[in-house]
Amino acid sequence: MIKVTLIRPKGCTHCIAVKKVLEKLLKENSNLVVEEIDMVTPEGQALVQKHGILSSPGILVNDEFFMMGGATEDQFRKKFEGLR
């Protein structure tokens, strides 16, 4: 299983774009799980501090920092390939 966590505020346009990419990848990969955490919640704030997230969305893959500010389909595909 590959778990992607988006740490984001509500209304973030970059976050919406990343979510659309992940929705496409979800259709292709039954082992993919996507979780969203609002960065203003205590849990979100803890993750922002832990991973030094300075722009949204903060993206974790399998609970490890991957990127912040967005990611492309190709970037996700390369990361997922490296996990197999």
PDB file of N, CA and C in Angstrom:
ATOM      1  N   MET A   1       0.831  -1.177   0.000  1.00  0.00           N
ATOM      2  CA  MET A   1       0.000   0.000   0.000  1.00  0.00           C
ATOM      3  C   MET A   1       0.879   1.245   0.000  1.00  0.00           C
ATOM      4  N   ILE A   2       0.465   2.236  -0.765  1.00  0.00           N
ATOM      5  CA  ILE A   2       1.137   3.531  -0.786  1.00  0.00           C
ATOM      6  C   ILE A   2       0.146   4.554  -0.238  1.00  0.00           C
ATOM      7  N   LYS A   3       0.565   5.267   0.791  1.00  0.00           N
ATOM      8  CA  LYS A   3      -0.298   6.261   1.414  1.00  0.00           C
ATOM      9  C   LYS A   3       0.238   7.659   1.106  1.00  0.00           C
ATOM     10  N   VAL A   4      -0.616   8.492   0.518  1.00  0.00           N
ATOM     11  CA  VAL A   4      -0.268   9.884   0.247  1.00  0.00           C
ATOM     12  C   VAL A   4      -1.099  10.759   1.181  1.00  0.00           C
ATOM     13  N   THR A   5      -0.425  11.634   1.894  1.00  0.00           N
ATOM     14  CA  THR A   5      -1.104  12.557   2.794  1.00  0.00           C
ATOM     15  C   THR A   5      -0.912  13.971   2.285  1.00  0.00           C
ATOM     16  N   LEU A   6      -2.030  14.679   2.093  1.00  0.00           N
ATOM     17  CA  LEU A   6      -1.987  16.093   1.712  1.00  0.00           C
ATOM     18  C   LEU A   6      -2.272  16.912   2.956  1.00  0.00           C
ATOM     19  N   ILE A   7      -1.360  17.789   3.306  1.00  0.00           N
ATOM     20  CA  ILE A   7      -1.546  18.695   4.433  1.00  0.00           C
ATOM     21  C   ILE A   7      -1.837  20.051   3.805  1.00  0.00           C
ATOM     22  N   ARG A   8      -3.064  20.523   3.979  1.00  0.00           N
ATOM     23  CA  ARG A   8      -3.503  21.671   3.196  1.00  0.00           C
ATOM     24  C   ARG A   8      -4.521  22.522   3.947  1.00  0.00           C
ATOM     25  N   PRO A   9      -4.649  23.788   3.521  1.00  0.00           N
ATOM     26  CA  PRO A   9      -5.743  24.615   4.022  1.00  0.00           C
ATOM     27  C   PRO A   9      -6.937  24.473   3.092  1.00  0.00           C
ATOM     28  N   LYS A  10      -8.085  24.873   3.544  1.00  0.00           N
ATOM     29  CA  LYS A  10      -9.268  24.851   2.678  1.00  0.00           C
ATOM     30  C   LYS A  10      -9.125  25.915   1.600  1.00  0.00           C
ATOM     31  N   GLY A  11      -9.603  25.605   0.384  1.00  0.00           N
ATOM     32  CA  GLY A  11      -9.606  26.570  -0.707  1.00  0.00           C
ATOM     33  C   GLY A  11      -8.294  26.738  -1.444  1.00  0.00           C
ATOM     34  N   CYS A  12      -7.339  25.906  -1.214  1.00  0.00           N
ATOM     35  CA  CYS A  12      -6.018  25.999  -1.848  1.00  0.00           C
ATOM     36  C   CYS A  12      -6.089  25.489  -3.289  1.00  0.00           C
ATOM     37  N   THR A  13      -5.763  26.348  -4.262  1.00  0.00           N
ATOM     38  CA  THR A  13      -5.857  25.951  -5.669  1.00  0.00           C
ATOM     39  C   THR A  13      -4.789  24.924  -6.053  1.00  0.00           C
ATOM     40  N   HIS A  14      -3.586  25.049  -5.513  1.00  0.00           N
ATOM     41  CA  HIS A  14      -2.551  24.044  -5.798  1.00  0.00           C
ATOM     42  C   HIS A  14      -2.975  22.685  -5.256  1.00  0.00           C
ATOM     43  N   CYS A  15      -3.658  22.711  -4.123  1.00  0.00           N
ATOM     44  CA  CYS A  15      -4.108  21.469  -3.497  1.00  0.00           C
ATOM     45  C   CYS A  15      -5.158  20.769  -4.355  1.00  0.00           C
ATOM     46  N   ILE A  16      -6.048  21.553  -4.940  1.00  0.00           N
ATOM     47  CA  ILE A  16      -7.082  21.002  -5.815  1.00  0.00           C
ATOM     48  C   ILE A  16      -6.443  20.343  -7.033  1.00  0.00           C
ATOM     49  N   ALA A  17      -5.425  20.982  -7.599  1.00  0.00           N
ATOM     50  CA  ALA A  17      -4.726  20.419  -8.758  1.00  0.00           C
ATOM     51  C   ALA A  17      -4.046  19.094  -8.396  1.00  0.00           C
ATOM     52  N   VAL A  18      -3.401  19.047  -7.247  1.00  0.00           N
ATOM     53  CA  VAL A  18      -2.741  17.814  -6.810  1.00  0.00           C
ATOM     54  C   VAL A  18      -3.776  16.722  -6.570  1.00  0.00           C
ATOM     55  N   LYS A  19      -4.895  17.096  -5.981  1.00  0.00           N
ATOM     56  CA  LYS A  19      -5.946  16.114  -5.707  1.00  0.00           C
ATOM     57  C   LYS A  19      -6.475  15.507  -7.011  1.00  0.00           C
ATOM     58  N   LYS A  20      -6.606  16.306  -8.070  1.00  0.00           N
ATOM     59  CA  LYS A  20      -7.063  15.788  -9.364  1.00  0.00           C
ATOM     60  C   LYS A  20      -6.065  14.779  -9.924  1.00  0.00           C
ATOM     61  N   VAL A  21      -4.786  15.070  -9.786  1.00  0.00           N
ATOM     62  CA  VAL A  21      -3.757  14.128 -10.236  1.00  0.00           C
ATOM     63  C   VAL A  21      -3.876  12.826  -9.452  1.00  0.00           C
ATOM     64  N   LEU A  22      -4.033  12.940  -8.152  1.00  0.00           N
ATOM     65  CA  LEU A  22      -4.136  11.742  -7.317  1.00  0.00           C
ATOM     66  C   LEU A  22      -5.401  10.944  -7.613  1.00  0.00           C
ATOM     67  N   GLU A  23      -6.496  11.627  -7.938  1.00  0.00           N
ATOM     68  CA  GLU A  23      -7.728  10.914  -8.303  1.00  0.00           C
ATOM     69  C   GLU A  23      -7.509  10.069  -9.552  1.00  0.00           C
ATOM     70  N   LYS A  24      -6.761  10.602 -10.504  1.00  0.00           N
ATOM     71  CA  LYS A  24      -6.435   9.837 -11.718  1.00  0.00           C
ATOM     72  C   LYS A  24      -5.585   8.621 -11.367  1.00  0.00           C
ATOM     73  N   LEU A  25      -4.593   8.823 -10.517  1.00  0.00           N
ATOM     74  CA  LEU A  25      -3.706   7.728 -10.133  1.00  0.00           C
ATOM     75  C   LEU A  25      -4.425   6.684  -9.282  1.00  0.00           C
ATOM     76  N   LEU A  26      -5.409   7.109  -8.503  1.00  0.00           N
ATOM     77  CA  LEU A  26      -6.212   6.169  -7.701  1.00  0.00           C
ATOM     78  C   LEU A  26      -6.951   5.174  -8.590  1.00  0.00           C
ATOM     79  N   LYS A  27      -7.417   5.637  -9.738  1.00  0.00           N
ATOM     80  CA  LYS A  27      -8.141   4.757 -10.670  1.00  0.00           C
ATOM     81  C   LYS A  27      -7.227   3.679 -11.246  1.00  0.00           C
ATOM     82  N   GLU A  28      -5.933   3.974 -11.310  1.00  0.00           N
ATOM     83  CA  GLU A  28      -4.960   3.051 -11.892  1.00  0.00           C
ATOM     84  C   GLU A  28      -4.295   2.153 -10.858  1.00  0.00           C
ATOM     85  N   ASN A  29      -4.366   2.529  -9.589  1.00  0.00           N
ATOM     86  CA  ASN A  29      -3.591   1.824  -8.578  1.00  0.00           C
ATOM     87  C   ASN A  29      -4.461   1.544  -7.353  1.00  0.00           C
ATOM     88  N   SER A  30      -4.859   0.307  -7.177  1.00  0.00           N
ATOM     89  CA  SER A  30      -5.715  -0.059  -6.046  1.00  0.00           C
ATOM     90  C   SER A  30      -4.956  -0.055  -4.722  1.00  0.00           C
ATOM     91  N   ASN A  31      -3.634   0.014  -4.770  1.00  0.00           N
ATOM     92  CA  ASN A  31      -2.824   0.052  -3.553  1.00  0.00           C
ATOM     93  C   ASN A  31      -2.584   1.467  -3.036  1.00  0.00           C
ATOM     94  N   LEU A  32      -3.175   2.461  -3.691  1.00  0.00           N
ATOM     95  CA  LEU A  32      -2.970   3.854  -3.322  1.00  0.00           C
ATOM     96  C   LEU A  32      -4.085   4.328  -2.396  1.00  0.00           C
ATOM     97  N   VAL A  33      -3.694   4.993  -1.314  1.00  0.00           N
ATOM     98  CA  VAL A  33      -4.638   5.581  -0.373  1.00  0.00           C
ATOM     99  C   VAL A  33      -4.271   7.050  -0.226  1.00  0.00           C
ATOM    100  N   VAL A  34      -5.286   7.925  -0.288  1.00  0.00           N
ATOM    101  CA  VAL A  34      -5.049   9.366  -0.154  1.00  0.00           C
ATOM    102  C   VAL A  34      -5.778   9.877   1.075  1.00  0.00           C
ATOM    103  N   GLU A  35      -5.054  10.614   1.880  1.00  0.00           N
ATOM    104  CA  GLU A  35      -5.586  11.199   3.111  1.00  0.00           C
ATOM    105  C   GLU A  35      -5.358  12.707   3.038  1.00  0.00           C
ATOM    106  N   GLU A  36      -6.332  13.478   3.501  1.00  0.00           N
ATOM    107  CA  GLU A  36      -6.191  14.935   3.546  1.00  0.00           C
ATOM    108  C   GLU A  36      -6.305  15.397   4.988  1.00  0.00           C
ATOM    109  N   ILE A  37      -5.388  16.273   5.377  1.00  0.00           N
ATOM    110  CA  ILE A  37      -5.408  16.825   6.724  1.00  0.00           C
ATOM    111  C   ILE A  37      -5.380  18.346   6.609  1.00  0.00           C
ATOM    112  N   ASP A  38      -6.333  18.993   7.251  1.00  0.00           N
ATOM    113  CA  ASP A  38      -6.388  20.456   7.256  1.00  0.00           C
ATOM    114  C   ASP A  38      -5.223  20.974   8.090  1.00  0.00           C
ATOM    115  N   MET A  39      -4.419  21.854   7.513  1.00  0.00           N
ATOM    116  CA  MET A  39      -3.216  22.297   8.205  1.00  0.00           C
ATOM    117  C   MET A  39      -3.488  23.216   9.396  1.00  0.00           C
ATOM    118  N   VAL A  40      -4.729  23.661   9.592  1.00  0.00           N
ATOM    119  CA  VAL A  40      -5.014  24.504  10.759  1.00  0.00           C
ATOM    120  C   VAL A  40      -5.433  23.682  11.977  1.00  0.00           C
ATOM    121  N   THR A  41      -5.620  22.382  11.808  1.00  0.00           N
ATOM    122  CA  THR A  41      -5.960  21.516  12.942  1.00  0.00           C
ATOM    123  C   THR A  41      -4.686  21.236  13.753  1.00  0.00           C
ATOM    124  N   PRO A  42      -4.837  20.810  14.984  1.00  0.00           N
ATOM    125  CA  PRO A  42      -3.638  20.454  15.768  1.00  0.00           C
ATOM    126  C   PRO A  42      -2.773  19.394  15.079  1.00  0.00           C
ATOM    127  N   GLU A  43      -3.418  18.384  14.476  1.00  0.00           N
ATOM    128  CA  GLU A  43      -2.666  17.349  13.757  1.00  0.00           C
ATOM    129  C   GLU A  43      -1.924  17.957  12.566  1.00  0.00           C
ATOM    130  N   GLY A  44      -2.601  18.820  11.819  1.00  0.00           N
ATOM    131  CA  GLY A  44      -1.983  19.480  10.671  1.00  0.00           C
ATOM    132  C   GLY A  44      -0.821  20.363  11.081  1.00  0.00           C
ATOM    133  N   GLN A  45      -0.991  21.132  12.135  1.00  0.00           N
ATOM    134  CA  GLN A  45       0.078  22.000  12.623  1.00  0.00           C
ATOM    135  C   GLN A  45       1.292  21.198  13.075  1.00  0.00           C
ATOM    136  N   ALA A  46       1.047  20.068  13.704  1.00  0.00           N
ATOM    137  CA  ALA A  46       2.159  19.209  14.139  1.00  0.00           C
ATOM    138  C   ALA A  46       2.949  18.705  12.935  1.00  0.00           C
ATOM    139  N   LEU A  47       2.252  18.321  11.872  1.00  0.00           N
ATOM    140  CA  LEU A  47       2.931  17.835  10.664  1.00  0.00           C
ATOM    141  C   LEU A  47       3.666  18.963   9.953  1.00  0.00           C
ATOM    142  N   VAL A  48       3.073  20.145   9.914  1.00  0.00           N
ATOM    143  CA  VAL A  48       3.738  21.312   9.312  1.00  0.00           C
ATOM    144  C   VAL A  48       5.057  21.576  10.031  1.00  0.00           C
ATOM    145  N   GLN A  49       5.027  21.571  11.350  1.00  0.00           N
ATOM    146  CA  GLN A  49       6.238  21.813  12.138  1.00  0.00           C
ATOM    147  C   GLN A  49       7.261  20.689  11.962  1.00  0.00           C
ATOM    148  N   LYS A  50       6.801  19.460  12.021  1.00  0.00           N
ATOM    149  CA  LYS A  50       7.701  18.303  11.926  1.00  0.00           C
ATOM    150  C   LYS A  50       8.460  18.269  10.605  1.00  0.00           C
ATOM    151  N   HIS A  51       7.744  18.591   9.499  1.00  0.00           N
ATOM    152  CA  HIS A  51       8.346  18.464   8.169  1.00  0.00           C
ATOM    153  C   HIS A  51       8.790  19.795   7.569  1.00  0.00           C
ATOM    154  N   GLY A  52       8.638  20.891   8.309  1.00  0.00           N
ATOM    155  CA  GLY A  52       9.080  22.196   7.814  1.00  0.00           C
ATOM    156  C   GLY A  52       8.324  22.651   6.574  1.00  0.00           C
ATOM    157  N   ILE A  53       7.040  22.396   6.534  1.00  0.00           N
ATOM    158  CA  ILE A  53       6.230  22.730   5.359  1.00  0.00           C
ATOM    159  C   ILE A  53       5.985  24.235   5.321  1.00  0.00           C
ATOM    160  N   LEU A  54       6.410  24.862   4.228  1.00  0.00           N
ATOM    161  CA  LEU A  54       6.311  26.312   4.084  1.00  0.00           C
ATOM    162  C   LEU A  54       5.285  26.739   3.042  1.00  0.00           C
ATOM    163  N   SER A  55       4.830  25.816   2.212  1.00  0.00           N
ATOM    164  CA  SER A  55       3.787  26.122   1.228  1.00  0.00           C
ATOM    165  C   SER A  55       2.887  24.915   1.066  1.00  0.00           C
ATOM    166  N   SER A  56       1.661  25.187   0.650  1.00  0.00           N
ATOM    167  CA  SER A  56       0.688  24.095   0.566  1.00  0.00           C
ATOM    168  C   SER A  56       0.467  23.659  -0.873  1.00  0.00           C
ATOM    169  N   PRO A  57       0.130  22.399  -1.033  1.00  0.00           N
ATOM    170  CA  PRO A  57       0.025  21.396   0.013  1.00  0.00           C
ATOM    171  C   PRO A  57       1.381  20.832   0.389  1.00  0.00           C
ATOM    172  N   GLY A  58       1.470  20.424   1.628  1.00  0.00           N
ATOM    173  CA  GLY A  58       2.594  19.590   2.026  1.00  0.00           C
ATOM    174  C   GLY A  58       2.200  18.167   1.659  1.00  0.00           C
ATOM    175  N   ILE A  59       3.105  17.437   1.063  1.00  0.00           N
ATOM    176  CA  ILE A  59       2.784  16.089   0.592  1.00  0.00           C
ATOM    177  C   ILE A  59       3.717  15.080   1.256  1.00  0.00           C
ATOM    178  N   LEU A  60       3.101  14.110   1.911  1.00  0.00           N
ATOM    179  CA  LEU A  60       3.844  13.007   2.501  1.00  0.00           C
ATOM    180  C   LEU A  60       3.507  11.743   1.733  1.00  0.00           C
ATOM    181  N   VAL A  61       4.488  10.888   1.542  1.00  0.00           N
ATOM    182  CA  VAL A  61       4.263   9.574   0.949  1.00  0.00           C
ATOM    183  C   VAL A  61       4.756   8.561   1.974  1.00  0.00           C
ATOM    184  N   ASN A  62       3.831   7.702   2.393  1.00  0.00           N
ATOM    185  CA  ASN A  62       4.119   6.723   3.446  1.00  0.00           C
ATOM    186  C   ASN A  62       4.705   7.410   4.691  1.00  0.00           C
ATOM    187  N   ASP A  63       4.090   8.525   5.040  1.00  0.00           N
ATOM    188  CA  ASP A  63       4.425   9.300   6.244  1.00  0.00           C
ATOM    189  C   ASP A  63       5.799   9.954   6.212  1.00  0.00           C
ATOM    190  N   GLU A  64       6.429  10.007   5.042  1.00  0.00           N
ATOM    191  CA  GLU A  64       7.708  10.694   4.887  1.00  0.00           C
ATOM    192  C   GLU A  64       7.515  11.879   3.952  1.00  0.00           C
ATOM    193  N   PHE A  65       8.212  12.982   4.234  1.00  0.00           N
ATOM    194  CA  PHE A  65       8.087  14.178   3.407  1.00  0.00           C
ATOM    195  C   PHE A  65       8.439  13.868   1.956  1.00  0.00           C
ATOM    196  N   PHE A  66       7.595  14.359   1.032  1.00  0.00           N
ATOM    197  CA  PHE A  66       7.841  14.193  -0.402  1.00  0.00           C
ATOM    198  C   PHE A  66       8.031  15.550  -1.066  1.00  0.00           C
ATOM    199  N   MET A  67       7.054  16.447  -0.941  1.00  0.00           N
ATOM    200  CA  MET A  67       7.136  17.756  -1.582  1.00  0.00           C
ATOM    201  C   MET A  67       6.228  18.745  -0.879  1.00  0.00           C
ATOM    202  N   MET A  68       6.423  20.012  -1.231  1.00  0.00           N
ATOM    203  CA  MET A  68       5.479  21.031  -0.795  1.00  0.00           C
ATOM    204  C   MET A  68       5.189  21.949  -1.968  1.00  0.00           C
ATOM    205  N   GLY A  69       3.991  22.513  -1.980  1.00  0.00           N
ATOM    206  CA  GLY A  69       3.615  23.444  -3.038  1.00  0.00           C
ATOM    207  C   GLY A  69       3.025  22.781  -4.263  1.00  0.00           C
ATOM    208  N   GLY A  70       2.942  21.468  -4.285  1.00  0.00           N
ATOM    209  CA  GLY A  70       2.361  20.749  -5.414  1.00  0.00           C
ATOM    210  C   GLY A  70       3.296  19.698  -5.959  1.00  0.00           C
ATOM    211  N   ALA A  71       2.755  18.871  -6.836  1.00  0.00           N
ATOM    212  CA  ALA A  71       3.537  17.818  -7.491  1.00  0.00           C
ATOM    213  C   ALA A  71       2.816  17.416  -8.766  1.00  0.00           C
ATOM    214  N   THR A  72       3.577  17.027  -9.761  1.00  0.00           N
ATOM    215  CA  THR A  72       3.007  16.624 -11.040  1.00  0.00           C
ATOM    216  C   THR A  72       2.742  15.123 -11.057  1.00  0.00           C
ATOM    217  N   GLU A  73       1.995  14.703 -12.043  1.00  0.00           N
ATOM    218  CA  GLU A  73       1.729  13.270 -12.222  1.00  0.00           C
ATOM    219  C   GLU A  73       3.031  12.506 -12.400  1.00  0.00           C
ATOM    220  N   ASP A  74       3.957  13.048 -13.197  1.00  0.00           N
ATOM    221  CA  ASP A  74       5.240  12.375 -13.414  1.00  0.00           C
ATOM    222  C   ASP A  74       6.039  12.235 -12.125  1.00  0.00           C
ATOM    223  N   GLN A  75       6.015  13.270 -11.293  1.00  0.00           N
ATOM    224  CA  GLN A  75       6.742  13.200 -10.028  1.00  0.00           C
ATOM    225  C   GLN A  75       6.167  12.116  -9.123  1.00  0.00           C
ATOM    226  N   PHE A  76       4.835  12.036  -9.073  1.00  0.00           N
ATOM    227  CA  PHE A  76       4.213  10.976  -8.279  1.00  0.00           C
ATOM    228  C   PHE A  76       4.545   9.608  -8.849  1.00  0.00           C
ATOM    229  N   ARG A  77       4.459   9.449 -10.152  1.00  0.00           N
ATOM    230  CA  ARG A  77       4.739   8.146 -10.782  1.00  0.00           C
ATOM    231  C   ARG A  77       6.173   7.685 -10.476  1.00  0.00           C
ATOM    232  N   LYS A  78       7.127   8.590 -10.578  1.00  0.00           N
ATOM    233  CA  LYS A  78       8.525   8.239 -10.285  1.00  0.00           C
ATOM    234  C   LYS A  78       8.686   7.818  -8.827  1.00  0.00           C
ATOM    235  N   LYS A  79       8.050   8.546  -7.940  1.00  0.00           N
ATOM    236  CA  LYS A  79       8.121   8.216  -6.517  1.00  0.00           C
ATOM    237  C   LYS A  79       7.509   6.839  -6.263  1.00  0.00           C
ATOM    238  N   PHE A  80       6.333   6.589  -6.831  1.00  0.00           N
ATOM    239  CA  PHE A  80       5.663   5.309  -6.612  1.00  0.00           C
ATOM    240  C   PHE A  80       6.475   4.164  -7.186  1.00  0.00           C
ATOM    241  N   GLU A  81       7.100   4.367  -8.345  1.00  0.00           N
ATOM    242  CA  GLU A  81       7.937   3.315  -8.940  1.00  0.00           C
ATOM    243  C   GLU A  81       9.097   2.969  -8.023  1.00  0.00           C
ATOM    244  N   GLY A  82       9.665   3.990  -7.386  1.00  0.00           N
ATOM    245  CA  GLY A  82      10.789   3.774  -6.482  1.00  0.00           C
ATOM    246  C   GLY A  82      10.390   3.001  -5.230  1.00  0.00           C
ATOM    247  N   LEU A  83       9.113   2.978  -4.928  1.00  0.00           N
ATOM    248  CA  LEU A  83       8.627   2.275  -3.734  1.00  0.00           C
ATOM    249  C   LEU A  83       8.297   0.819  -4.000  1.00  0.00           C
ATOM    250  N   ARG A  84       8.223   0.436  -5.247  1.00  0.00           N
ATOM    251  CA  ARG A  84       7.851  -0.947  -5.583  1.00  0.00           C
ATOM    252  C   ARG A  84       9.013  -1.891  -5.496  1.00  0.00           C
TER     253      ARG A  84
END
